Amino acid sequence: MYDTFKELGLVPEIMKAIEDMGFEEPTPIQKVSIPAAMEGKDLIGQAQTGTGKTAAFGIPILEKIDTTEKGPQAIVLSPTRELAIQSAEEMNRLAQYLPIHALPIYGGQDIERQFRALRKKPNIIVATPGRLMDHMKRGTIDLSHVQILVLDEGDEMVDMGFIDDIRTILAGMPEERQTMFFSATMPAPIRELAESFLRDPVLVKIKAATVTIDLVEQEYIELPDMQKFDCLCRLLDMENPELAIVFVRTKRRADEVTEALKKRGYMAEGLHGDLSQQKRDAVVRQFKEGTIDILVATDVAARGLDISGVTHVYNFDMPQDSETYVHRVGRTGRAGQTGLAMTFVVSREIGQLHDIERAIRRKIRRKSVPTLSDVIEGNQRIAIENLQEASRGTGLEEYRENAEELLNHVDAVSLVAAAIKLLTKQPDVTPVKITEERPQFKKRRSSGGKRSFGGERRGRRLQGHSRDKNYESEKRDGRYNGHRSRPQESRKREKSNMHESSFKPYFKKN
């Protein structure tokens, strides 16, 4: 077991990038996975989201790439456009001092642009299954020299109905290769794939870190979706968090909640997958430095964030499962400090809340929606605390003369009451626009390994062929409800891109 990155014997260029990125020591899955992968072994990594899986496979890939050879030597399969972009960006940051580039390709992006990028023969391709199969069929990607194949977020692939696509892609890869599967859980279809396509794999299983939420006070409020924002504002006023993260389900929701908070005078910024890396870094830096005190984030965008001092977590939208809940709530209550996590639950999500309680073996305390009177009372308490703290501070001498003069004309109680009134923040009821969203429901898996999501017609299944940009972003952010009609042209394009039994005839040879 290695305790530092230096002990792993990485090339200086990767070590410098790791230091620039602020990584100090490997995460548990990285400690075991990186040495095994660097030895060329097939690997199954089972760990929850946010445990550093991208670096766990990204670092060995970068170590093994032959920079004198052109073309793809490593393929990473990601379930969604957003994850493909995120993984490629992280690998490119790790490769910033190497002549290696990871190219993300996904549905919805201009195909001609992808053709041009592929003609530059990048060494690493991070792809969604549908678009990779499209290029395989067209013969626009040369996979004959692929040495490493990574399946990332395997259970998510199963949930989205990609299992047949993955089987076809795996069958079309060179047989002499290293294969790594990473997944939070190991559903039967993933185990079957591993038995078919992996050779004596090393199993790395990292236990879910439920201990991280032991110091977190957990509460929930049941309320309609359209009351969530006003309730959030009341809680922010009453609790006055030093640093708070507000988790939302979709990118649209993140933008709307962020703008609404700013409109009501809060120091807030949003974080989601559509932001550039430069913008993401700037937002995280502002949050760490306290320039802003509220971060509105989607789950995917919040992965890998390591920020100390977060006092409050607000689940504006219900997390989809217990792992996501633990990951969100674990953002506070760190380093021996206590924290508070509040979850907003619409009535139809109560069953999901009980599932989470069973998973974490802990009862989440129910609270009522705070009234305006509660807010005013809480704001008065904060004003009094601020006044007391200021009275104990220094630099008051220049104000004493004015204070004594005031006391000659106004009694002390009235004067202090006026000070409290001036310092008490009044509830802001500026109108804002937050689009209502349906609750997301998690159904039991069928024998085929697919899952249906809520909405009025729940019988439709998610099919695993080519997906356009809107579909993939909606699925990742939870907006896809299983019955969105697609344009006729899109359906025709998908039909033409249906996978075939083998793509080997389409491979280009150097």
Protein backbone atom coordinates (compact mmCIF):
# COMPACT_ATOMS: atom_id res chain seq x y z
CA MET A 1 0.00 0.00 0.00
CA TYR A 2 1.37 3.39 -1.03
CA ASP A 3 0.70 6.46 1.12
CA THR A 4 1.94 9.21 -1.24
CA PHE A 5 2.01 9.80 -4.98
CA LYS A 6 5.81 10.04 -4.84
CA GLU A 7 6.01 6.42 -3.70
CA LEU A 8 4.21 5.33 -6.86
CA GLY A 9 7.24 6.19 -8.98
CA LEU A 10 5.34 8.39 -11.43
CA VAL A 11 7.10 10.32 -14.19
CA PRO A 12 8.07 13.88 -13.17
CA GLU A 13 5.58 15.48 -15.59
CA ILE A 14 2.64 13.72 -13.96
CA MET A 15 3.95 14.44 -10.46
CA LYS A 16 4.21 18.15 -11.29
CA ALA A 17 0.63 18.16 -12.60
CA ILE A 18 -0.60 16.36 -9.45
CA GLU A 19 1.10 18.98 -7.28
CA ASP A 20 -0.40 21.79 -9.38
CA MET A 21 -3.85 20.27 -8.92
CA GLY A 22 -3.39 20.27 -5.15
CA PHE A 23 -3.50 16.51 -4.61
CA GLU A 24 -1.44 15.58 -1.57
CA GLU A 25 -2.02 11.85 -1.16
CA PRO A 26 -3.88 9.15 -3.08
CA THR A 27 -7.45 8.28 -2.16
CA PRO A 28 -8.08 4.69 -1.00
CA ILE A 29 -9.06 3.47 -4.46
CA GLN A 30 -6.07 5.23 -6.04
CA LYS A 31 -3.64 3.62 -3.58
CA VAL A 32 -4.60 0.14 -4.76
CA SER A 33 -5.75 0.72 -8.34
CA ILE A 34 -2.82 2.75 -9.67
CA PRO A 35 -0.06 0.21 -8.85
CA ALA A 36 -2.15 -2.71 -10.17
CA ALA A 37 -3.07 -0.85 -13.36
CA MET A 38 0.53 0.24 -13.95
CA GLU A 39 1.53 -3.43 -13.84
CA GLY A 40 -0.87 -4.04 -16.72
CA LYS A 41 -3.44 -6.04 -14.77
CA ASP A 42 -7.14 -6.05 -15.56
CA LEU A 43 -9.06 -4.42 -12.76
CA ILE A 44 -12.52 -4.03 -11.23
CA GLY A 45 -12.79 -0.94 -9.04
CA GLN A 46 -15.87 -0.69 -6.88
CA ALA A 47 -16.22 2.63 -5.10
CA GLN A 48 -18.74 5.39 -4.60
CA THR A 49 -18.88 8.59 -6.60
CA GLY A 50 -16.35 11.23 -5.60
CA THR A 51 -13.61 8.81 -4.50
CA GLY A 52 -11.11 9.79 -7.20
CA LYS A 53 -11.80 7.11 -9.80
CA THR A 54 -10.80 9.26 -12.78
CA ALA A 55 -7.25 9.68 -11.50
CA ALA A 56 -7.23 6.00 -10.50
CA PHE A 57 -7.39 4.98 -14.16
CA GLY A 58 -6.16 8.25 -15.72
CA ILE A 59 -2.70 8.22 -14.15
CA PRO A 60 -1.86 4.63 -15.28
CA ILE A 61 -3.14 5.44 -18.78
CA LEU A 62 -0.86 8.48 -19.03
CA GLU A 63 2.08 6.44 -17.73
CA LYS A 64 1.58 3.78 -20.41
CA ILE A 65 0.91 5.96 -23.47
CA ASP A 66 3.67 5.79 -26.10
CA THR A 67 3.96 9.40 -27.23
CA THR A 68 5.91 8.40 -30.34
CA GLU A 69 2.82 6.62 -31.68
CA LYS A 70 -0.17 8.46 -33.14
CA GLY A 71 -3.79 7.47 -32.68
CA PRO A 72 -5.93 6.09 -29.85
CA GLN A 73 -4.12 3.87 -27.37
CA ALA A 74 -6.74 4.20 -24.61
CA ILE A 75 -10.54 4.37 -24.71
CA VAL A 76 -12.66 5.49 -21.74
CA LEU A 77 -16.40 4.83 -21.96
CA SER A 78 -18.61 7.25 -20.02
CA PRO A 79 -22.41 7.06 -19.73
CA THR A 80 -23.10 10.73 -20.45
CA ARG A 81 -21.78 13.72 -22.30
CA GLU A 82 -21.18 15.59 -19.05
CA LEU A 83 -19.11 12.80 -17.51
CA ALA A 84 -17.15 12.34 -20.73
CA ILE A 85 -16.23 16.04 -20.74
CA GLN A 86 -15.36 16.01 -17.04
CA SER A 87 -13.16 12.92 -17.31
CA ALA A 88 -11.36 14.23 -20.38
CA GLU A 89 -10.73 17.58 -18.68
CA GLU A 90 -9.28 15.94 -15.58
CA MET A 91 -7.04 13.67 -17.65
CA ASN A 92 -5.84 16.66 -19.67
CA ARG A 93 -5.00 18.49 -16.45
CA LEU A 94 -2.99 15.44 -15.37
CA ALA A 95 -1.32 15.45 -18.80
CA GLN A 96 -0.66 19.19 -18.95
CA TYR A 97 3.13 18.68 -19.05
CA LEU A 98 2.97 15.74 -21.47
CA PRO A 99 2.39 15.72 -25.27
CA ILE A 100 -0.83 13.76 -24.70
CA HIS A 101 -4.40 14.84 -25.30
CA ALA A 102 -7.68 13.23 -24.23
CA LEU A 103 -10.50 13.92 -26.68
CA PRO A 104 -14.14 13.75 -25.53
CA ILE A 105 -16.64 12.64 -28.20
CA TYR A 106 -20.35 12.44 -27.56
CA GLY A 107 -23.75 12.70 -29.18
CA GLY A 108 -25.11 16.14 -29.96
CA GLN A 109 -21.70 17.58 -30.83
CA ASP A 110 -21.05 18.56 -34.44
CA ILE A 111 -19.91 15.35 -36.17
CA GLU A 112 -17.69 17.26 -38.63
CA ARG A 113 -15.87 18.84 -35.71
CA GLN A 114 -15.28 15.37 -34.29
CA PHE A 115 -13.98 14.16 -37.67
CA ARG A 116 -11.41 16.98 -37.67
CA ALA A 117 -10.39 16.25 -34.08
CA LEU A 118 -10.00 12.52 -34.78
CA ARG A 119 -7.81 13.21 -37.83
CA LYS A 120 -5.27 14.70 -35.39
CA LYS A 121 -5.00 11.16 -33.94
CA PRO A 122 -5.30 11.82 -30.17
CA ASN A 123 -3.86 9.15 -27.88
CA ILE A 124 -6.89 9.01 -25.54
CA ILE A 125 -10.58 9.10 -26.41
CA VAL A 126 -13.29 9.54 -23.77
CA ALA A 127 -16.60 8.66 -25.41
CA THR A 128 -20.24 7.94 -24.84
CA PRO A 129 -21.19 4.50 -26.25
CA GLY A 130 -23.60 5.72 -28.92
CA ARG A 131 -21.22 8.17 -30.52
CA LEU A 132 -18.25 5.79 -30.33
CA MET A 133 -20.30 3.13 -32.14
CA ASP A 134 -21.25 5.71 -34.76
CA HIS A 135 -17.58 6.41 -35.50
CA MET A 136 -16.79 2.70 -35.49
CA LYS A 137 -19.48 2.10 -38.11
CA ARG A 138 -18.30 5.04 -40.22
CA GLY A 139 -14.70 3.88 -40.05
CA THR A 140 -13.61 7.30 -38.77
CA ILE A 141 -11.81 5.96 -35.72
CA ASP A 142 -8.90 3.54 -35.67
CA LEU A 143 -9.09 1.21 -32.67
CA SER A 144 -6.51 -1.30 -33.87
CA HIS A 145 -3.82 0.03 -31.49
CA VAL A 146 -5.96 0.39 -28.37
CA GLN A 147 -4.10 -1.08 -25.41
CA ILE A 148 -6.34 0.07 -22.53
CA LEU A 149 -10.13 0.13 -22.26
CA VAL A 150 -11.90 1.68 -19.26
CA LEU A 151 -15.59 1.34 -18.49
CA ASP A 152 -16.46 4.21 -16.11
CA GLU A 153 -19.65 4.36 -14.01
CA GLY A 154 -20.62 0.84 -15.07
CA ASP A 155 -23.82 0.67 -13.03
CA GLU A 156 -24.96 3.94 -14.59
CA MET A 157 -24.37 2.40 -18.02
CA VAL A 158 -26.65 -0.48 -17.05
CA ASP A 159 -29.32 1.87 -15.71
CA MET A 160 -29.33 3.82 -18.98
CA GLY A 161 -29.70 0.70 -21.12
CA PHE A 162 -26.20 0.72 -22.67
CA ILE A 163 -25.35 -2.87 -21.81
CA ASP A 164 -25.79 -4.27 -25.34
CA ASP A 165 -23.80 -1.39 -26.82
CA ILE A 166 -20.95 -2.01 -24.39
CA ARG A 167 -20.88 -5.70 -25.21
CA THR A 168 -20.60 -4.85 -28.91
CA ILE A 169 -17.85 -2.28 -28.31
CA LEU A 170 -15.86 -4.68 -26.13
CA ALA A 171 -16.13 -7.38 -28.78
CA GLY A 172 -14.79 -4.95 -31.38
CA MET A 173 -11.63 -4.05 -29.46
CA PRO A 174 -8.24 -5.70 -29.90
CA GLU A 175 -8.10 -8.87 -27.80
CA GLU A 176 -4.65 -8.09 -26.42
CA ARG A 177 -5.49 -5.18 -24.18
CA GLN A 178 -5.85 -4.14 -20.56
CA THR A 179 -9.44 -3.68 -19.37
CA MET A 180 -10.65 -1.81 -16.28
CA PHE A 181 -14.21 -1.54 -14.97
CA PHE A 182 -15.16 1.12 -12.41
CA SER A 183 -18.58 1.16 -10.80
CA ALA A 184 -20.25 2.16 -7.53
CA THR A 185 -22.18 -1.14 -7.47
CA MET A 186 -21.79 -4.40 -9.32
CA PRO A 187 -25.13 -5.32 -10.93
CA ALA A 188 -25.40 -8.72 -12.61
CA PRO A 189 -24.84 -7.44 -16.19
CA ILE A 190 -21.53 -5.83 -15.18
CA ARG A 191 -20.39 -9.01 -13.42
CA GLU A 192 -21.25 -11.00 -16.55
CA LEU A 193 -19.26 -8.57 -18.72
CA ALA A 194 -16.30 -8.86 -16.37
CA GLU A 195 -16.38 -12.66 -16.57
CA SER A 196 -16.49 -12.52 -20.37
CA PHE A 197 -13.96 -9.80 -21.13
CA LEU A 198 -11.54 -9.47 -18.17
CA ARG A 199 -8.59 -11.78 -17.48
CA ASP A 200 -7.86 -12.55 -13.81
CA PRO A 201 -8.91 -9.05 -12.70
CA VAL A 202 -7.76 -7.47 -9.48
CA LEU A 203 -10.81 -6.54 -7.39
CA VAL A 204 -10.56 -3.22 -5.56
CA LYS A 205 -13.55 -2.61 -3.32
CA ILE A 206 -13.76 0.56 -1.26
CA LYS A 207 -16.39 0.62 1.45
CA ALA A 208 -19.00 3.38 1.34
CA ALA A 209 -17.87 6.10 3.73
CA THR A 210 -21.03 6.49 5.82
CA VAL A 211 -18.90 7.50 8.81
CA THR A 212 -18.42 10.95 7.27
CA ILE A 213 -21.96 11.97 8.20
CA ASP A 214 -21.85 10.94 11.87
CA LEU A 215 -21.24 14.53 12.97
CA VAL A 216 -23.92 15.97 10.71
CA GLU A 217 -27.30 16.95 12.10
CA GLN A 218 -29.80 15.76 9.48
CA GLU A 219 -33.28 17.19 8.97
CA TYR A 220 -35.94 17.32 6.27
CA ILE A 221 -38.88 19.53 5.40
CA GLU A 222 -41.87 18.23 3.41
CA LEU A 223 -43.24 20.91 1.09
CA PRO A 224 -44.42 21.54 -2.51
CA ASP A 225 -41.75 22.18 -5.11
CA MET A 226 -42.81 25.78 -5.68
CA GLN A 227 -42.29 26.63 -2.00
CA LYS A 228 -38.70 25.38 -1.88
CA PHE A 229 -36.98 28.64 -2.77
CA ASP A 230 -38.78 30.81 -0.24
CA CYS A 231 -38.12 28.14 2.39
CA LEU A 232 -34.43 28.09 1.47
CA CYS A 233 -34.19 31.87 1.85
CA ARG A 234 -35.85 31.73 5.25
CA LEU A 235 -33.43 29.03 6.41
CA LEU A 236 -30.43 30.99 5.13
CA ASP A 237 -31.62 34.08 7.02
CA MET A 238 -32.28 32.16 10.24
CA GLU A 239 -29.17 29.96 10.22
CA ASN A 240 -26.69 32.43 8.70
CA PRO A 241 -24.29 29.72 7.41
CA GLU A 242 -20.62 30.54 7.02
CA LEU A 243 -20.34 28.37 3.89
CA ALA A 244 -23.29 26.49 2.39
CA ILE A 245 -23.74 24.17 -0.59
CA VAL A 246 -27.18 23.96 -2.19
CA PHE A 247 -27.56 20.76 -4.23
CA VAL A 248 -29.93 20.78 -7.18
CA ARG A 249 -30.83 18.16 -9.78
CA THR A 250 -30.40 20.01 -13.07
CA LYS A 251 -28.21 22.63 -14.69
CA ARG A 252 -31.26 24.78 -15.41
CA ARG A 253 -32.22 24.57 -11.75
CA ALA A 254 -28.67 25.55 -10.73
CA ASP A 255 -28.77 28.65 -12.93
CA GLU A 256 -32.26 29.68 -11.80
CA VAL A 257 -31.61 29.20 -8.08
CA THR A 258 -28.28 31.03 -8.33
CA GLU A 259 -29.79 34.03 -10.11
CA ALA A 260 -32.75 34.09 -7.71
CA LEU A 261 -30.43 34.09 -4.68
CA LYS A 262 -28.41 36.95 -6.15
CA LYS A 263 -31.63 38.85 -6.83
CA ARG A 264 -32.47 38.62 -3.14
CA GLY A 265 -29.06 39.83 -2.06
CA TYR A 266 -27.19 36.61 -1.27
CA MET A 267 -23.56 36.03 -2.27
CA ALA A 268 -24.01 32.94 -4.44
CA GLU A 269 -22.55 31.29 -7.53
CA GLY A 270 -23.53 28.18 -9.48
CA LEU A 271 -21.45 25.14 -10.43
CA HIS A 272 -22.50 22.70 -13.15
CA GLY A 273 -21.14 20.75 -16.09
CA ASP A 274 -21.67 23.41 -18.75
CA LEU A 275 -19.20 25.82 -17.15
CA SER A 276 -15.71 26.11 -18.60
CA GLN A 277 -12.87 24.79 -16.47
CA GLN A 278 -11.66 28.36 -15.97
CA LYS A 279 -15.07 29.43 -14.68
CA ARG A 280 -15.36 26.36 -12.41
CA ASP A 281 -11.94 27.02 -10.92
CA ALA A 282 -12.86 30.68 -10.34
CA VAL A 283 -16.14 29.77 -8.58
CA VAL A 284 -14.47 27.17 -6.35
CA ARG A 285 -11.70 29.63 -5.47
CA GLN A 286 -14.26 32.31 -4.54
CA PHE A 287 -16.09 29.81 -2.34
CA LYS A 288 -12.91 28.64 -0.62
CA GLU A 289 -11.82 32.22 0.01
CA GLY A 290 -15.26 33.24 1.33
CA THR A 291 -15.92 35.80 -1.40
CA ILE A 292 -19.19 33.96 -1.89
CA ASP A 293 -20.79 31.94 0.88
CA ILE A 294 -23.37 29.90 -1.07
CA LEU A 295 -22.49 27.40 -3.80
CA VAL A 296 -25.37 26.03 -5.91
CA ALA A 297 -24.20 22.77 -7.49
CA THR A 298 -25.31 19.70 -9.40
CA ASP A 299 -24.01 16.34 -8.19
CA VAL A 300 -21.67 15.82 -11.13
CA ALA A 301 -20.15 19.28 -10.84
CA ALA A 302 -19.56 18.80 -7.10
CA ARG A 303 -17.57 15.59 -7.56
CA GLY A 304 -14.01 15.89 -6.38
CA LEU A 305 -14.64 19.10 -4.44
CA ASP A 306 -12.60 19.16 -1.25
CA ILE A 307 -13.58 22.30 0.63
CA SER A 308 -13.19 22.61 4.38
CA GLY A 309 -15.42 24.79 6.51
CA VAL A 310 -18.77 23.98 4.88
CA THR A 311 -21.28 24.43 7.72
CA HIS A 312 -24.56 23.72 5.92
CA VAL A 313 -25.76 21.50 3.08
CA TYR A 314 -29.21 22.05 1.59
CA ASN A 315 -30.65 19.34 -0.65
CA PHE A 316 -32.92 21.61 -2.68
CA ASP A 317 -33.80 18.56 -4.80
CA MET A 318 -33.99 15.05 -3.40
CA PRO A 319 -30.87 12.93 -4.05
CA GLN A 320 -31.57 9.94 -6.28
CA ASP A 321 -30.14 7.33 -3.89
CA SER A 322 -28.47 6.81 -0.52
CA GLU A 323 -24.94 6.96 -2.00
CA THR A 324 -25.64 10.38 -3.48
CA TYR A 325 -27.17 11.50 -0.20
CA VAL A 326 -24.09 10.43 1.77
CA HIS A 327 -21.82 12.09 -0.78
CA ARG A 328 -23.72 15.38 -0.53
CA VAL A 329 -24.15 15.41 3.23
CA GLY A 330 -20.51 14.41 3.72
CA ARG A 331 -19.49 17.82 2.39
CA THR A 332 -20.08 19.19 5.88
CA GLY A 333 -19.20 17.80 9.32
CA ARG A 334 -15.55 17.32 8.37
CA ALA A 335 -12.38 17.47 10.45
CA GLY A 336 -14.28 16.90 13.68
CA GLN A 337 -16.60 19.85 13.07
CA THR A 338 -20.38 19.57 13.24
CA GLY A 339 -22.61 20.40 10.31
CA LEU A 340 -26.27 20.66 9.34
CA ALA A 341 -27.91 19.00 6.34
CA MET A 342 -31.45 19.93 5.33
CA THR A 343 -33.35 18.01 2.64
CA PHE A 344 -36.44 19.34 0.86
CA VAL A 345 -38.90 16.54 0.14
CA VAL A 346 -42.13 16.72 -1.87
CA SER A 347 -44.87 14.40 -0.64
CA ARG A 348 -44.36 11.82 -3.39
CA GLU A 349 -40.69 11.43 -2.42
CA ILE A 350 -41.28 10.36 1.19
CA GLY A 351 -40.71 6.71 0.23
CA GLN A 352 -37.28 7.59 -1.14
CA LEU A 353 -36.46 9.40 2.08
CA HIS A 354 -37.32 6.27 4.09
CA ASP A 355 -35.06 4.22 1.77
CA ILE A 356 -32.21 6.60 2.58
CA GLU A 357 -32.93 6.32 6.31
CA ARG A 358 -32.74 2.53 6.10
CA ALA A 359 -29.48 2.70 4.13
CA ILE A 360 -27.75 5.07 6.56
CA ARG A 361 -29.40 3.38 9.58
CA ARG A 362 -30.43 6.70 10.97
CA LYS A 363 -33.67 8.63 11.38
CA ILE A 364 -33.76 12.00 9.66
CA ARG A 365 -35.60 14.52 11.82
CA ARG A 366 -38.70 16.20 10.39
CA LYS A 367 -38.98 19.99 10.59
CA SER A 368 -41.73 22.41 9.67
CA VAL A 369 -41.47 25.15 7.07
CA PRO A 370 -40.28 28.23 8.98
CA THR A 371 -42.81 31.06 9.16
CA LEU A 372 -42.04 34.73 8.57
CA SER A 373 -42.26 35.21 12.34
CA ASP A 374 -39.61 32.51 12.79
CA VAL A 375 -37.38 34.29 10.29
CA ILE A 376 -37.74 37.69 11.96
CA GLU A 377 -37.05 36.13 15.35
CA GLY A 378 -33.99 34.36 13.97
CA ASN A 379 -32.73 37.52 12.30
CA GLN A 380 -33.12 39.44 15.56
CA ARG A 381 -31.08 36.77 17.33
CA ILE A 382 -28.32 37.11 14.73
CA ALA A 383 -28.41 40.91 15.06
CA ILE A 384 -28.02 40.64 18.84
CA GLU A 385 -25.11 38.21 18.47
CA ASN A 386 -23.40 40.57 16.00
CA LEU A 387 -23.96 43.50 18.35
CA GLN A 388 -22.52 41.60 21.32
CA GLU A 389 -19.51 40.49 19.30
CA ALA A 390 -18.86 44.04 18.12
CA SER A 391 -19.11 45.35 21.69
CA ARG A 392 -16.32 43.00 22.73
CA GLY A 393 -14.07 44.12 19.89
CA THR A 394 -11.55 46.92 19.63
CA GLY A 395 -11.69 50.28 17.88
CA LEU A 396 -14.78 51.56 19.72
CA GLU A 397 -13.06 54.57 21.31
CA GLU A 398 -13.84 56.94 18.44
CA TYR A 399 -17.56 56.12 18.82
CA ARG A 400 -17.84 56.55 22.60
CA GLU A 401 -18.36 60.30 22.54
CA ASN A 402 -21.29 59.94 20.15
CA ALA A 403 -22.69 57.08 22.24
CA GLU A 404 -22.56 59.16 25.43
CA GLU A 405 -24.24 62.08 23.66
CA LEU A 406 -27.05 59.77 22.48
CA LEU A 407 -27.55 58.41 26.00
CA ASN A 408 -28.09 61.96 27.25
CA HIS A 409 -31.15 62.23 25.03
CA VAL A 410 -32.40 58.63 24.60
CA ASP A 411 -32.82 55.96 27.26
CA ALA A 412 -30.46 52.98 26.94
CA VAL A 413 -33.17 50.37 26.24
CA SER A 414 -34.68 52.36 23.37
CA LEU A 415 -31.22 52.98 21.93
CA VAL A 416 -30.25 49.29 21.97
CA ALA A 417 -33.68 48.36 20.55
CA ALA A 418 -33.11 50.78 17.68
CA ALA A 419 -29.66 49.28 17.03
CA ILE A 420 -31.13 45.76 16.94
CA LYS A 421 -33.87 46.93 14.57
CA LEU A 422 -31.34 48.50 12.19
CA LEU A 423 -29.16 45.36 12.26
CA THR A 424 -32.05 42.93 11.79
CA LYS A 425 -32.33 41.77 8.21
CA GLN A 426 -35.89 42.00 6.94
CA PRO A 427 -37.16 39.07 4.85
CA ASP A 428 -36.70 39.79 1.14
CA VAL A 429 -39.74 38.80 -0.89
CA THR A 430 -38.50 40.03 -4.28
CA PRO A 431 -40.33 37.94 -6.94
CA VAL A 432 -38.17 35.29 -8.58
CA LYS A 433 -38.74 32.62 -11.23
CA ILE A 434 -37.97 28.99 -10.42
CA THR A 435 -39.29 26.45 -12.93
CA GLU A 436 -41.22 23.65 -11.27
CA GLU A 437 -39.81 20.17 -11.79
CA ARG A 438 -41.37 16.78 -11.31
CA PRO A 439 -39.96 14.52 -8.62
CA GLN A 440 -37.52 11.89 -9.86
CA PHE A 441 -38.51 8.35 -9.00
CA LYS A 442 -36.22 5.37 -8.79
CA LYS A 443 -37.80 2.07 -9.81
CA ARG A 444 -36.60 -1.45 -9.15
CA ARG A 445 -34.38 -2.90 -11.84
CA SER A 446 -35.85 -5.35 -14.28
CA SER A 447 -34.11 -8.57 -15.27
CA GLY A 448 -32.68 -6.76 -18.26
CA GLY A 449 -30.81 -4.35 -16.02
CA LYS A 450 -32.72 -1.26 -17.11
CA ARG A 451 -34.58 1.21 -14.97
CA SER A 452 -37.61 3.35 -15.66
CA PHE A 453 -37.99 6.83 -14.29
CA GLY A 454 -41.02 8.75 -13.08
CA GLY A 455 -43.56 10.75 -14.97
CA GLU A 456 -47.08 9.85 -15.94
CA ARG A 457 -46.14 7.06 -18.34
CA ARG A 458 -43.55 4.98 -16.54
CA GLY A 459 -43.72 1.95 -18.82
CA ARG A 460 -41.24 3.28 -21.36
CA ARG A 461 -37.67 2.02 -20.98
CA LEU A 462 -34.52 3.93 -21.72
CA GLN A 463 -32.95 2.46 -24.82
CA GLY A 464 -29.20 2.39 -25.29
CA HIS A 465 -28.43 3.60 -28.77
CA SER A 466 -27.13 6.97 -29.98
CA ARG A 467 -28.16 9.82 -27.72
CA ASP A 468 -28.23 13.45 -28.59
CA LYS A 469 -26.89 16.27 -26.44
CA ASN A 470 -30.23 17.17 -24.90
CA TYR A 471 -31.03 13.60 -23.97
CA GLU A 472 -27.69 13.01 -22.27
CA SER A 473 -27.74 16.27 -20.29
CA GLU A 474 -31.34 15.66 -19.29
CA LYS A 475 -30.63 12.11 -18.16
CA ARG A 476 -27.60 13.12 -16.12
CA ASP A 477 -29.39 16.04 -14.50
CA GLY A 478 -32.57 14.05 -13.93
CA ARG A 479 -34.92 15.85 -16.34
CA TYR A 480 -35.54 12.91 -18.66
CA ASN A 481 -38.87 11.37 -17.72
CA GLY A 482 -39.08 8.50 -20.15
CA HIS A 483 -41.60 9.93 -22.62
CA ARG A 484 -40.08 12.99 -24.30
CA SER A 485 -40.93 12.92 -27.97
CA ARG A 486 -37.93 13.36 -30.24
CA PRO A 487 -37.77 15.06 -33.61
CA GLN A 488 -38.33 12.72 -36.55
CA GLU A 489 -34.90 13.55 -37.93
CA SER A 490 -33.25 12.56 -34.64
CA ARG A 491 -35.12 9.25 -34.61
CA LYS A 492 -34.01 8.52 -38.17
CA ARG A 493 -30.42 9.31 -37.27
CA GLU A 494 -30.56 6.96 -34.31
CA LYS A 495 -32.01 4.18 -36.41
CA SER A 496 -29.21 4.53 -38.92
CA ASN A 497 -26.65 4.35 -36.11
CA MET A 498 -27.95 1.11 -34.61
CA HIS A 499 -25.05 -1.14 -33.72
CA GLU A 500 -24.06 -4.14 -35.77
CA SER A 501 -22.67 -7.42 -34.49
CA SER A 502 -19.08 -6.46 -35.22
CA PHE A 503 -17.20 -3.40 -36.41
CA LYS A 504 -13.85 -5.04 -37.14
CA PRO A 505 -14.32 -4.70 -40.92
CA TYR A 506 -14.46 -0.92 -40.45
CA PHE A 507 -11.12 -0.61 -38.62
CA LYS A 508 -8.46 1.35 -40.39
CA LYS A 509 -5.00 -0.13 -40.48
CA ASN A 510 -1.83 1.88 -40.43
